[in-house]
Amino acid sequence: MKRVKIGGQAVIEGVMMKNADKYAVAVRKPDKQIEVKVEDYVSVGSRSAFFRIPVIRGVVNFVESLVIGVKTLTYSASFYDDEEEDHAQNKKEKIQTPEQKKKSDDLMMAGSVAFSLIFAIALFMMLPAFIGEIIGKFIDSRVLMSLIEGVIRLAIFLGYVALISLMKDIQRVFMYHGAEHKTINCFEAGVPLTPENVKKYSRYHKRCGTSFLFIVMIISIIVFMFINADTAWMRLIIRLLLIPVIAGISYEFIMFAGRSDSKIAYILSVPGMWVQRLTTREPDLDMIEVAIASVSAVLDWQEYQEAMRNGEIED
């Protein structure tokens, strides 16, 4: 049996888990029942060797994760729409053919993904660069300017996370985020997935998307040190063009840290895991139950753990 690397994401009152070409989203509905939806997903990387090249595969994975993330968030939110929104949606669906509804959903999905990318790039990349250009008028050192810009970028990122964590709904999402990590840690330790067992494990994980974003911030500091252009607008354009490269390098780092048990990998992962103190909370047993349901939908974890114990897992 091949080794698997399950990844996931917290959604509204639920958890999404992905394994290879399949992902599932489990949601605790208002009636307290757990709804599980399983979808097949064929990655672009499985269709072409080009998209499996290091760094390039990181960009592909990032975009695909964003698409799945927006899709599963939208699905989970649909259980918690108020009655007026439900009535409006139902009325709309009655006058739409299946083809029209699919086209409408696809357009909405594309718009959400595009907005998310533009918002993230504008807030975490271009705004710090713009502020840095203003400060740079008083500093001659390009290296020092890159460091200052990086500090501004980190401050905006951490401030944004800290600010949204004050929202009650986001706090619950962060609790489900903790449930996701605890469940994966328990699974990877080879321990049976029961709420009581999972509860004992850490809410931090080396392959977390939060760590990925933090690593993006750090690597951007290093990469942007080498930007040398005469005009501010050209430096901004170069930064935009380098964003996919930075994302790809960051992905390779996260994958290395996730695969390696070395002390070096652990030390390099610590800063990103510190940030997870902001984006995860301790979940209750009901939340953990939802995360376990999501894992169970994409993998026979009992069979897999039995193979682990028998030494039958191949890298």
C-alpha atoms as a PDB file:
ATOM      1  CA  MET A   1       0.000   0.000   0.000  1.00  0.00           C
ATOM      2  CA  LYS A   2       1.293   3.434  -0.942  1.00  0.00           C
ATOM      3  CA  ARG A   3       1.895   6.087   1.712  1.00  0.00           C
ATOM      4  CA  VAL A   4      -0.783   8.759   1.728  1.00  0.00           C
ATOM      5  CA  LYS A   5      -0.562  12.401   2.732  1.00  0.00           C
ATOM      6  CA  ILE A   6      -4.010  13.591   3.700  1.00  0.00           C
ATOM      7  CA  GLY A   7      -4.550  17.328   3.616  1.00  0.00           C
ATOM      8  CA  GLY A   8      -7.534  19.302   4.712  1.00  0.00           C
ATOM      9  CA  GLN A   9      -9.239  22.572   5.420  1.00  0.00           C
ATOM     10  CA  ALA A  10     -11.720  23.864   7.938  1.00  0.00           C
ATOM     11  CA  VAL A  11     -15.034  25.070   6.532  1.00  0.00           C
ATOM     12  CA  ILE A  12     -18.161  26.500   8.140  1.00  0.00           C
ATOM     13  CA  GLU A  13     -19.159  24.000  10.845  1.00  0.00           C
ATOM     14  CA  GLY A  14     -17.150  21.305   9.131  1.00  0.00           C
ATOM     15  CA  VAL A  15     -13.942  19.897   7.700  1.00  0.00           C
ATOM     16  CA  MET A  16     -12.758  19.047   4.203  1.00  0.00           C
ATOM     17  CA  MET A  17     -10.218  16.244   3.755  1.00  0.00           C
ATOM     18  CA  LYS A  18      -8.418  15.372   0.510  1.00  0.00           C
ATOM     19  CA  ASN A  19      -6.633  12.165  -0.401  1.00  0.00           C
ATOM     20  CA  ALA A  20      -5.133  11.738  -3.884  1.00  0.00           C
ATOM     21  CA  ASP A  21      -7.924  12.205  -6.445  1.00  0.00           C
ATOM     22  CA  LYS A  22     -10.808  12.360  -3.978  1.00  0.00           C
ATOM     23  CA  TYR A  23     -11.959  14.831  -1.353  1.00  0.00           C
ATOM     24  CA  ALA A  24     -14.804  14.921   1.131  1.00  0.00           C
ATOM     25  CA  VAL A  25     -16.456  17.683   3.109  1.00  0.00           C
ATOM     26  CA  ALA A  26     -18.277  16.830   6.335  1.00  0.00           C
ATOM     27  CA  VAL A  27     -20.596  19.426   7.869  1.00  0.00           C
ATOM     28  CA  ARG A  28     -22.472  19.474  11.160  1.00  0.00           C
ATOM     29  CA  LYS A  29     -25.915  20.636  10.040  1.00  0.00           C
ATOM     30  CA  PRO A  30     -28.241  22.809  12.149  1.00  0.00           C
ATOM     31  CA  ASP A  31     -30.139  19.642  13.170  1.00  0.00           C
ATOM     32  CA  LYS A  32     -26.779  18.332  14.554  1.00  0.00           C
ATOM     33  CA  GLN A  33     -26.544  15.530  11.994  1.00  0.00           C
ATOM     34  CA  ILE A  34     -23.327  15.136   9.983  1.00  0.00           C
ATOM     35  CA  GLU A  35     -23.656  15.504   6.223  1.00  0.00           C
ATOM     36  CA  VAL A  36     -20.774  14.086   4.159  1.00  0.00           C
ATOM     37  CA  LYS A  37     -20.231  14.843   0.489  1.00  0.00           C
ATOM     38  CA  VAL A  38     -17.529  13.075  -1.541  1.00  0.00           C
ATOM     39  CA  GLU A  39     -16.176  14.383  -4.843  1.00  0.00           C
ATOM     40  CA  ASP A  40     -13.633  13.081  -7.339  1.00  0.00           C
ATOM     41  CA  TYR A  41     -10.975  15.549  -8.428  1.00  0.00           C
ATOM     42  CA  VAL A  42      -8.481  14.898 -11.204  1.00  0.00           C
ATOM     43  CA  SER A  43      -5.452  17.119 -10.669  1.00  0.00           C
ATOM     44  CA  VAL A  44      -3.850  18.912 -13.606  1.00  0.00           C
ATOM     45  CA  GLY A  45      -0.569  17.378 -12.428  1.00  0.00           C
ATOM     46  CA  SER A  46      -1.857  13.879 -13.170  1.00  0.00           C
ATOM     47  CA  ARG A  47      -2.511  14.840 -16.794  1.00  0.00           C
ATOM     48  CA  SER A  48       0.907  16.202 -17.709  1.00  0.00           C
ATOM     49  CA  ALA A  49       4.448  15.618 -16.471  1.00  0.00           C
ATOM     50  CA  PHE A  50       5.163  19.314 -16.994  1.00  0.00           C
ATOM     51  CA  PHE A  51       2.842  20.248 -14.129  1.00  0.00           C
ATOM     52  CA  ARG A  52       4.689  17.837 -11.822  1.00  0.00           C
ATOM     53  CA  ILE A  53       8.024  19.657 -12.206  1.00  0.00           C
ATOM     54  CA  PRO A  54       9.238  21.035  -8.836  1.00  0.00           C
ATOM     55  CA  VAL A  55       8.149  24.627  -8.180  1.00  0.00           C
ATOM     56  CA  ILE A  56       5.631  24.471 -11.072  1.00  0.00           C
ATOM     57  CA  ARG A  57       3.702  21.786  -9.202  1.00  0.00           C
ATOM     58  CA  GLY A  58       3.557  24.132  -6.227  1.00  0.00           C
ATOM     59  CA  VAL A  59       1.784  26.798  -8.261  1.00  0.00           C
ATOM     60  CA  VAL A  60      -0.657  24.205  -9.635  1.00  0.00           C
ATOM     61  CA  ASN A  61      -1.318  22.807  -6.171  1.00  0.00           C
ATOM     62  CA  PHE A  62      -1.920  26.277  -4.743  1.00  0.00           C
ATOM     63  CA  VAL A  63      -4.494  27.183  -7.397  1.00  0.00           C
ATOM     64  CA  GLU A  64      -6.231  23.808  -7.146  1.00  0.00           C
ATOM     65  CA  SER A  65      -6.353  24.052  -3.349  1.00  0.00           C
ATOM     66  CA  LEU A  66      -7.882  27.503  -3.650  1.00  0.00           C
ATOM     67  CA  VAL A  67     -10.553  26.249  -6.049  1.00  0.00           C
ATOM     68  CA  ILE A  68     -11.462  23.288  -3.822  1.00  0.00           C
ATOM     69  CA  GLY A  69     -11.356  25.517  -0.751  1.00  0.00           C
ATOM     70  CA  VAL A  70     -13.791  28.058  -2.164  1.00  0.00           C
ATOM     71  CA  LYS A  71     -16.061  25.303  -3.448  1.00  0.00           C
ATOM     72  CA  THR A  72     -16.231  23.485  -0.098  1.00  0.00           C
ATOM     73  CA  LEU A  73     -16.672  26.721   1.853  1.00  0.00           C
ATOM     74  CA  THR A  74     -19.608  27.638  -0.372  1.00  0.00           C
ATOM     75  CA  TYR A  75     -21.093  24.168   0.110  1.00  0.00           C
ATOM     76  CA  SER A  76     -20.783  24.295   3.904  1.00  0.00           C
ATOM     77  CA  ALA A  77     -22.262  27.815   4.023  1.00  0.00           C
ATOM     78  CA  SER A  78     -25.335  26.610   2.134  1.00  0.00           C
ATOM     79  CA  PHE A  79     -26.529  24.770   5.269  1.00  0.00           C
ATOM     80  CA  TYR A  80     -26.555  27.995   7.268  1.00  0.00           C
ATOM     81  CA  ASP A  81     -28.277  30.437   4.944  1.00  0.00           C
ATOM     82  CA  ASP A  82     -31.218  32.205   6.571  1.00  0.00           C
ATOM     83  CA  GLU A  83     -34.779  31.465   5.462  1.00  0.00           C
ATOM     84  CA  GLU A  84     -35.036  34.494   3.213  1.00  0.00           C
ATOM     85  CA  GLU A  85     -31.860  33.563   1.349  1.00  0.00           C
ATOM     86  CA  ASP A  86     -33.033  29.947   1.091  1.00  0.00           C
ATOM     87  CA  HIS A  87     -36.364  31.096  -0.326  1.00  0.00           C
ATOM     88  CA  ALA A  88     -34.663  33.358  -2.844  1.00  0.00           C
ATOM     89  CA  GLN A  89     -32.262  30.609  -3.880  1.00  0.00           C
ATOM     90  CA  ASN A  90     -35.038  28.041  -4.222  1.00  0.00           C
ATOM     91  CA  LYS A  91     -37.066  30.462  -6.300  1.00  0.00           C
ATOM     92  CA  LYS A  92     -34.089  31.084  -8.535  1.00  0.00           C
ATOM     93  CA  GLU A  93     -33.440  27.386  -8.963  1.00  0.00           C
ATOM     94  CA  LYS A  94     -37.003  26.784 -10.087  1.00  0.00           C
ATOM     95  CA  ILE A  95     -36.562  29.022 -13.094  1.00  0.00           C
ATOM     96  CA  GLN A  96     -33.108  27.704 -14.010  1.00  0.00           C
ATOM     97  CA  THR A  97     -32.366  24.634 -16.070  1.00  0.00           C
ATOM     98  CA  PRO A  98     -29.596  22.327 -14.775  1.00  0.00           C
ATOM     99  CA  GLU A  99     -27.288  23.670 -17.484  1.00  0.00           C
ATOM    100  CA  GLN A 100     -28.019  27.266 -16.497  1.00  0.00           C
ATOM    101  CA  LYS A 101     -27.473  26.525 -12.810  1.00  0.00           C
ATOM    102  CA  LYS A 102     -24.143  24.795 -13.505  1.00  0.00           C
ATOM    103  CA  LYS A 103     -22.998  27.716 -15.626  1.00  0.00           C
ATOM    104  CA  SER A 104     -24.070  30.156 -12.911  1.00  0.00           C
ATOM    105  CA  ASP A 105     -22.244  28.149 -10.222  1.00  0.00           C
ATOM    106  CA  ASP A 106     -19.097  27.947 -12.359  1.00  0.00           C
ATOM    107  CA  LEU A 107     -19.121  31.689 -12.948  1.00  0.00           C
ATOM    108  CA  MET A 108     -19.622  32.343  -9.249  1.00  0.00           C
ATOM    109  CA  MET A 109     -16.767  29.974  -8.408  1.00  0.00           C
ATOM    110  CA  ALA A 110     -14.427  31.617 -10.922  1.00  0.00           C
ATOM    111  CA  GLY A 111     -15.341  35.033  -9.569  1.00  0.00           C
ATOM    112  CA  SER A 112     -14.714  33.968  -5.974  1.00  0.00           C
ATOM    113  CA  VAL A 113     -11.321  32.454  -6.797  1.00  0.00           C
ATOM    114  CA  ALA A 114     -10.308  35.516  -8.814  1.00  0.00           C
ATOM    115  CA  PHE A 115     -11.404  37.863  -6.037  1.00  0.00           C
ATOM    116  CA  SER A 116      -9.540  35.827  -3.405  1.00  0.00           C
ATOM    117  CA  LEU A 117      -6.324  35.919  -5.433  1.00  0.00           C
ATOM    118  CA  ILE A 118      -6.590  39.643  -6.199  1.00  0.00           C
ATOM    119  CA  PHE A 119      -7.412  40.494  -2.589  1.00  0.00           C
ATOM    120  CA  ALA A 120      -4.510  38.425  -1.203  1.00  0.00           C
ATOM    121  CA  ILE A 121      -1.997  39.801  -3.702  1.00  0.00           C
ATOM    122  CA  ALA A 122      -3.149  43.381  -3.159  1.00  0.00           C
ATOM    123  CA  LEU A 123      -3.154  43.178   0.643  1.00  0.00           C
ATOM    124  CA  PHE A 124      -0.133  40.993   1.358  1.00  0.00           C
ATOM    125  CA  MET A 125       2.133  41.759  -1.606  1.00  0.00           C
ATOM    126  CA  MET A 126       1.365  45.053  -3.323  1.00  0.00           C
ATOM    127  CA  LEU A 127       0.388  47.142  -0.290  1.00  0.00           C
ATOM    128  CA  PRO A 128       3.654  46.361   1.571  1.00  0.00           C
ATOM    129  CA  ALA A 129       5.580  47.002  -1.661  1.00  0.00           C
ATOM    130  CA  PHE A 130       3.848  50.367  -2.087  1.00  0.00           C
ATOM    131  CA  ILE A 131       4.604  51.358   1.511  1.00  0.00           C
ATOM    132  CA  GLY A 132       8.156  50.106   1.036  1.00  0.00           C
ATOM    133  CA  GLU A 133       8.628  52.312  -2.030  1.00  0.00           C
ATOM    134  CA  ILE A 134       7.624  55.358   0.004  1.00  0.00           C
ATOM    135  CA  ILE A 135      10.050  54.471   2.809  1.00  0.00           C
ATOM    136  CA  GLY A 136      12.708  53.564   0.235  1.00  0.00           C
ATOM    137  CA  LYS A 137      13.020  57.222  -0.771  1.00  0.00           C
ATOM    138  CA  PHE A 138      14.907  57.737   2.479  1.00  0.00           C
ATOM    139  CA  ILE A 139      16.988  54.506   2.395  1.00  0.00           C
ATOM    140  CA  ASP A 140      19.786  53.715  -0.042  1.00  0.00           C
ATOM    141  CA  SER A 141      20.289  50.026   0.821  1.00  0.00           C
ATOM    142  CA  ARG A 142      18.184  47.671  -1.310  1.00  0.00           C
ATOM    143  CA  VAL A 143      18.736  44.807   1.142  1.00  0.00           C
ATOM    144  CA  LEU A 144      17.598  46.894   4.099  1.00  0.00           C
ATOM    145  CA  MET A 145      14.584  48.074   2.109  1.00  0.00           C
ATOM    146  CA  SER A 146      13.615  44.470   1.330  1.00  0.00           C
ATOM    147  CA  LEU A 147      13.869  43.574   5.014  1.00  0.00           C
ATOM    148  CA  ILE A 148      11.698  46.532   6.015  1.00  0.00           C
ATOM    149  CA  GLU A 149       9.152  45.637   3.341  1.00  0.00           C
ATOM    150  CA  GLY A 150       9.160  42.039   4.581  1.00  0.00           C
ATOM    151  CA  VAL A 151       8.534  43.134   8.154  1.00  0.00           C
ATOM    152  CA  ILE A 152       5.618  45.284   6.953  1.00  0.00           C
ATOM    153  CA  ARG A 153       4.234  42.319   5.008  1.00  0.00           C
ATOM    154  CA  LEU A 154       4.458  40.024   8.036  1.00  0.00           C
ATOM    155  CA  ALA A 155       2.861  42.666  10.265  1.00  0.00           C
ATOM    156  CA  ILE A 156      -0.083  43.065   7.858  1.00  0.00           C
ATOM    157  CA  PHE A 157      -0.508  39.293   7.587  1.00  0.00           C
ATOM    158  CA  LEU A 158      -0.393  38.667  11.348  1.00  0.00           C
ATOM    159  CA  GLY A 159      -2.568  41.700  12.029  1.00  0.00           C
ATOM    160  CA  TYR A 160      -5.161  40.506   9.526  1.00  0.00           C
ATOM    161  CA  VAL A 161      -5.256  37.024  11.061  1.00  0.00           C
ATOM    162  CA  ALA A 162      -5.469  38.430  14.593  1.00  0.00           C
ATOM    163  CA  LEU A 163      -8.269  40.793  13.558  1.00  0.00           C
ATOM    164  CA  ILE A 164     -10.489  38.173  11.911  1.00  0.00           C
ATOM    165  CA  SER A 165      -9.886  35.803  14.850  1.00  0.00           C
ATOM    166  CA  LEU A 166     -11.969  38.186  16.983  1.00  0.00           C
ATOM    167  CA  MET A 167     -15.072  37.237  14.979  1.00  0.00           C
ATOM    168  CA  LYS A 168     -17.212  34.570  16.644  1.00  0.00           C
ATOM    169  CA  ASP A 169     -17.864  32.636  13.413  1.00  0.00           C
ATOM    170  CA  ILE A 170     -14.159  32.636  12.541  1.00  0.00           C
ATOM    171  CA  GLN A 171     -13.304  31.350  16.011  1.00  0.00           C
ATOM    172  CA  ARG A 172     -15.471  28.299  15.340  1.00  0.00           C
ATOM    173  CA  VAL A 173     -13.785  27.793  11.959  1.00  0.00           C
ATOM    174  CA  PHE A 174     -10.434  27.912  13.757  1.00  0.00           C
ATOM    175  CA  MET A 175     -11.718  25.246  16.179  1.00  0.00           C
ATOM    176  CA  TYR A 176     -12.562  23.021  13.214  1.00  0.00           C
ATOM    177  CA  HIS A 177      -9.086  23.840  11.876  1.00  0.00           C
ATOM    178  CA  GLY A 178      -7.693  22.450  15.119  1.00  0.00           C
ATOM    179  CA  ALA A 179      -9.897  19.354  14.739  1.00  0.00           C
ATOM    180  CA  GLU A 180      -8.537  18.833  11.222  1.00  0.00           C
ATOM    181  CA  HIS A 181      -4.910  18.946  12.414  1.00  0.00           C
ATOM    182  CA  LYS A 182      -5.509  16.764  15.452  1.00  0.00           C
ATOM    183  CA  THR A 183      -7.225  14.130  13.322  1.00  0.00           C
ATOM    184  CA  ILE A 184      -4.421  14.045  10.739  1.00  0.00           C
ATOM    185  CA  ASN A 185      -1.780  13.856  13.490  1.00  0.00           C
ATOM    186  CA  CYS A 186      -3.614  10.979  15.151  1.00  0.00           C
ATOM    187  CA  PHE A 187      -4.039   9.192  11.811  1.00  0.00           C
ATOM    188  CA  GLU A 188      -0.356   9.591  10.898  1.00  0.00           C
ATOM    189  CA  ALA A 189       0.644   8.287  14.340  1.00  0.00           C
ATOM    190  CA  GLY A 190      -1.215   5.048  13.571  1.00  0.00           C
ATOM    191  CA  VAL A 191      -3.675   5.480  16.433  1.00  0.00           C
ATOM    192  CA  PRO A 192      -7.371   4.561  15.907  1.00  0.00           C
ATOM    193  CA  LEU A 193      -9.508   7.571  15.053  1.00  0.00           C
ATOM    194  CA  THR A 194     -11.864   8.060  17.963  1.00  0.00           C
ATOM    195  CA  PRO A 195     -12.775  11.509  19.301  1.00  0.00           C
ATOM    196  CA  GLU A 196     -11.075  10.698  22.604  1.00  0.00           C
ATOM    197  CA  ASN A 197      -7.837   9.556  20.909  1.00  0.00           C
ATOM    198  CA  VAL A 198      -7.753  12.481  18.492  1.00  0.00           C
ATOM    199  CA  LYS A 199      -8.297  14.974  21.316  1.00  0.00           C
ATOM    200  CA  LYS A 200      -4.878  14.083  22.776  1.00  0.00           C
ATOM    201  CA  TYR A 201      -2.922  15.170  19.699  1.00  0.00           C
ATOM    202  CA  SER A 202      -1.457  18.526  18.744  1.00  0.00           C
ATOM    203  CA  ARG A 203      -3.539  21.102  16.917  1.00  0.00           C
ATOM    204  CA  TYR A 204      -0.444  22.133  14.930  1.00  0.00           C
ATOM    205  CA  HIS A 205       0.776  20.476  11.725  1.00  0.00           C
ATOM    206  CA  LYS A 206       3.849  21.072   9.552  1.00  0.00           C
ATOM    207  CA  ARG A 207       1.945  20.922   6.239  1.00  0.00           C
ATOM    208  CA  CYS A 208      -0.667  23.511   7.258  1.00  0.00           C
ATOM    209  CA  GLY A 209      -1.715  26.192   4.786  1.00  0.00           C
ATOM    210  CA  THR A 210      -1.050  28.814   7.451  1.00  0.00           C
ATOM    211  CA  SER A 211       2.573  27.701   7.555  1.00  0.00           C
ATOM    212  CA  PHE A 212       2.638  27.853   3.754  1.00  0.00           C
ATOM    213  CA  LEU A 213       1.486  31.483   3.752  1.00  0.00           C
ATOM    214  CA  PHE A 214       4.019  32.367   6.436  1.00  0.00           C
ATOM    215  CA  ILE A 215       6.814  30.724   4.421  1.00  0.00           C
ATOM    216  CA  VAL A 216       5.655  32.701   1.361  1.00  0.00           C
ATOM    217  CA  MET A 217       6.231  35.879   3.379  1.00  0.00           C
ATOM    218  CA  ILE A 218       9.733  34.801   4.426  1.00  0.00           C
ATOM    219  CA  ILE A 219      10.828  33.605   0.976  1.00  0.00           C
ATOM    220  CA  SER A 220       9.480  36.787  -0.612  1.00  0.00           C
ATOM    221  CA  ILE A 221      11.895  38.781   1.555  1.00  0.00           C
ATOM    222  CA  ILE A 222      14.840  36.771   0.211  1.00  0.00           C
ATOM    223  CA  VAL A 223      13.689  36.815  -3.431  1.00  0.00           C
ATOM    224  CA  PHE A 224      12.824  40.519  -3.472  1.00  0.00           C
ATOM    225  CA  MET A 225      16.326  41.373  -2.242  1.00  0.00           C
ATOM    226  CA  PHE A 226      17.546  40.552  -5.746  1.00  0.00           C
ATOM    227  CA  ILE A 227      15.116  42.868  -7.549  1.00  0.00           C
ATOM    228  CA  ASN A 228      17.029  45.665  -9.155  1.00  0.00           C
ATOM    229  CA  ALA A 229      15.013  48.031 -11.338  1.00  0.00           C
ATOM    230  CA  ASP A 230      15.305  51.759 -11.911  1.00  0.00           C
ATOM    231  CA  THR A 231      11.640  52.661 -11.499  1.00  0.00           C
ATOM    232  CA  ALA A 232       9.050  51.911  -8.820  1.00  0.00           C
ATOM    233  CA  TRP A 233       6.443  50.658 -11.294  1.00  0.00           C
ATOM    234  CA  MET A 234       8.924  48.210 -12.805  1.00  0.00           C
ATOM    235  CA  ARG A 235       9.812  46.863  -9.350  1.00  0.00           C
ATOM    236  CA  LEU A 236       6.104  46.355  -8.639  1.00  0.00           C
ATOM    237  CA  ILE A 237       5.596  44.502 -11.935  1.00  0.00           C
ATOM    238  CA  ILE A 238       8.597  42.253 -11.224  1.00  0.00           C
ATOM    239  CA  ARG A 239       7.126  41.462  -7.802  1.00  0.00           C
ATOM    240  CA  LEU A 240       3.850  40.418  -9.420  1.00  0.00           C
ATOM    241  CA  LEU A 241       5.647  38.194 -11.923  1.00  0.00           C
ATOM    242  CA  LEU A 242       7.662  36.532  -9.148  1.00  0.00           C
ATOM    243  CA  ILE A 243       4.637  35.603  -7.009  1.00  0.00           C
ATOM    244  CA  PRO A 244       4.140  32.194  -8.724  1.00  0.00           C
ATOM    245  CA  VAL A 245       7.854  31.438  -8.278  1.00  0.00           C
ATOM    246  CA  ILE A 246       7.657  32.307  -4.572  1.00  0.00           C
ATOM    247  CA  ALA A 247       4.539  30.153  -4.153  1.00  0.00           C
ATOM    248  CA  GLY A 248       6.254  27.241  -5.911  1.00  0.00           C
ATOM    249  CA  ILE A 249       9.390  27.462  -3.760  1.00  0.00           C
ATOM    250  CA  SER A 250       7.269  27.711  -0.605  1.00  0.00           C
ATOM    251  CA  TYR A 251       5.333  24.603  -1.597  1.00  0.00           C
ATOM    252  CA  GLU A 252       8.554  22.614  -2.014  1.00  0.00           C
ATOM    253  CA  PHE A 253       9.683  23.758   1.434  1.00  0.00           C
ATOM    254  CA  ILE A 254       6.404  22.723   3.066  1.00  0.00           C
ATOM    255  CA  MET A 255       6.531  19.328   1.351  1.00  0.00           C
ATOM    256  CA  PHE A 256      10.122  18.806   2.511  1.00  0.00           C
ATOM    257  CA  ALA A 257       9.185  19.724   6.073  1.00  0.00           C
ATOM    258  CA  GLY A 258       6.135  17.441   5.936  1.00  0.00           C
ATOM    259  CA  ARG A 259       8.156  14.432   4.699  1.00  0.00           C
ATOM    260  CA  SER A 260      11.230  14.868   6.874  1.00  0.00           C
ATOM    261  CA  ASP A 261      11.526  14.045  10.553  1.00  0.00           C
ATOM    262  CA  SER A 262      14.967  15.655  10.771  1.00  0.00           C
ATOM    263  CA  LYS A 263      15.779  18.265  13.391  1.00  0.00           C
ATOM    264  CA  ILE A 264      16.555  20.805  10.653  1.00  0.00           C
ATOM    265  CA  ALA A 265      13.099  20.372   9.101  1.00  0.00           C
ATOM    266  CA  TYR A 266      11.516  20.761  12.522  1.00  0.00           C
ATOM    267  CA  ILE A 267      13.454  23.942  13.344  1.00  0.00           C
ATOM    268  CA  LEU A 268      12.569  25.472   9.967  1.00  0.00           C
ATOM    269  CA  SER A 269       8.898  24.591  10.528  1.00  0.00           C
ATOM    270  CA  VAL A 270       8.650  26.098  14.004  1.00  0.00           C
ATOM    271  CA  PRO A 271       7.898  29.736  12.936  1.00  0.00           C
ATOM    272  CA  GLY A 272       5.009  28.623  10.733  1.00  0.00           C
ATOM    273  CA  MET A 273       3.635  26.447  13.523  1.00  0.00           C
ATOM    274  CA  TRP A 274       3.823  29.418  15.892  1.00  0.00           C
ATOM    275  CA  VAL A 275       1.479  31.286  13.558  1.00  0.00           C
ATOM    276  CA  GLN A 276      -0.950  28.369  13.841  1.00  0.00           C
ATOM    277  CA  ARG A 277      -1.512  29.473  17.420  1.00  0.00           C
ATOM    278  CA  LEU A 278      -3.596  32.240  15.827  1.00  0.00           C
ATOM    279  CA  THR A 279      -5.425  30.130  13.237  1.00  0.00           C
ATOM    280  CA  THR A 280      -6.293  27.077  15.328  1.00  0.00           C
ATOM    281  CA  ARG A 281      -8.273  26.593  18.519  1.00  0.00           C
ATOM    282  CA  GLU A 282      -8.903  23.569  20.704  1.00  0.00           C
ATOM    283  CA  PRO A 283     -11.965  21.763  19.287  1.00  0.00           C
ATOM    284  CA  ASP A 284     -14.667  19.915  21.188  1.00  0.00           C
ATOM    285  CA  LEU A 285     -15.426  16.230  20.660  1.00  0.00           C
ATOM    286  CA  ASP A 286     -18.345  16.942  18.309  1.00  0.00           C
ATOM    287  CA  MET A 287     -16.031  18.884  15.982  1.00  0.00           C
ATOM    288  CA  ILE A 288     -13.478  16.093  16.050  1.00  0.00           C
ATOM    289  CA  GLU A 289     -16.230  13.638  15.144  1.00  0.00           C
ATOM    290  CA  VAL A 290     -16.908  15.698  12.007  1.00  0.00           C
ATOM    291  CA  ALA A 291     -13.208  15.633  11.052  1.00  0.00           C
ATOM    292  CA  ILE A 292     -13.081  11.856  11.513  1.00  0.00           C
ATOM    293  CA  ALA A 293     -16.149  11.469   9.278  1.00  0.00           C
ATOM    294  CA  SER A 294     -14.364  13.445   6.568  1.00  0.00           C
ATOM    295  CA  VAL A 295     -11.218  11.275   6.762  1.00  0.00           C
ATOM    296  CA  SER A 296     -13.297   8.081   6.738  1.00  0.00           C
ATOM    297  CA  ALA A 297     -14.989   9.207   3.519  1.00  0.00           C
ATOM    298  CA  VAL A 298     -11.712   9.417   1.554  1.00  0.00           C
ATOM    299  CA  LEU A 299      -9.704   6.578   3.101  1.00  0.00           C
ATOM    300  CA  ASP A 300     -10.185   3.274   4.898  1.00  0.00           C
ATOM    301  CA  TRP A 301      -7.988   4.441   7.776  1.00  0.00           C
ATOM    302  CA  GLN A 302      -8.360   1.184   9.714  1.00  0.00           C
ATOM    303  CA  GLU A 303      -6.953  -0.852   6.807  1.00  0.00           C
ATOM    304  CA  TYR A 304      -4.209   1.717   6.277  1.00  0.00           C
ATOM    305  CA  GLN A 305      -3.152   1.725   9.920  1.00  0.00           C
ATOM    306  CA  GLU A 306      -3.129  -2.065   9.928  1.00  0.00           C
ATOM    307  CA  ALA A 307      -0.768  -1.956   6.952  1.00  0.00           C
ATOM    308  CA  MET A 308       1.381   0.546   8.888  1.00  0.00           C
ATOM    309  CA  ARG A 309       1.679  -1.853  11.802  1.00  0.00           C
ATOM    310  CA  ASN A 310       2.598  -4.696   9.458  1.00  0.00           C
ATOM    311  CA  GLY A 311       5.260  -2.627   7.668  1.00  0.00           C
ATOM    312  CA  GLU A 312       3.371  -2.785   4.370  1.00  0.00           C
ATOM    313  CA  ILE A 313       3.408   0.952   3.576  1.00  0.00           C
ATOM    314  CA  GLU A 314       5.618   2.031   0.666  1.00  0.00           C
ATOM    315  CA  ASP A 315       6.892   5.568   0.040  1.00  0.00           C
END
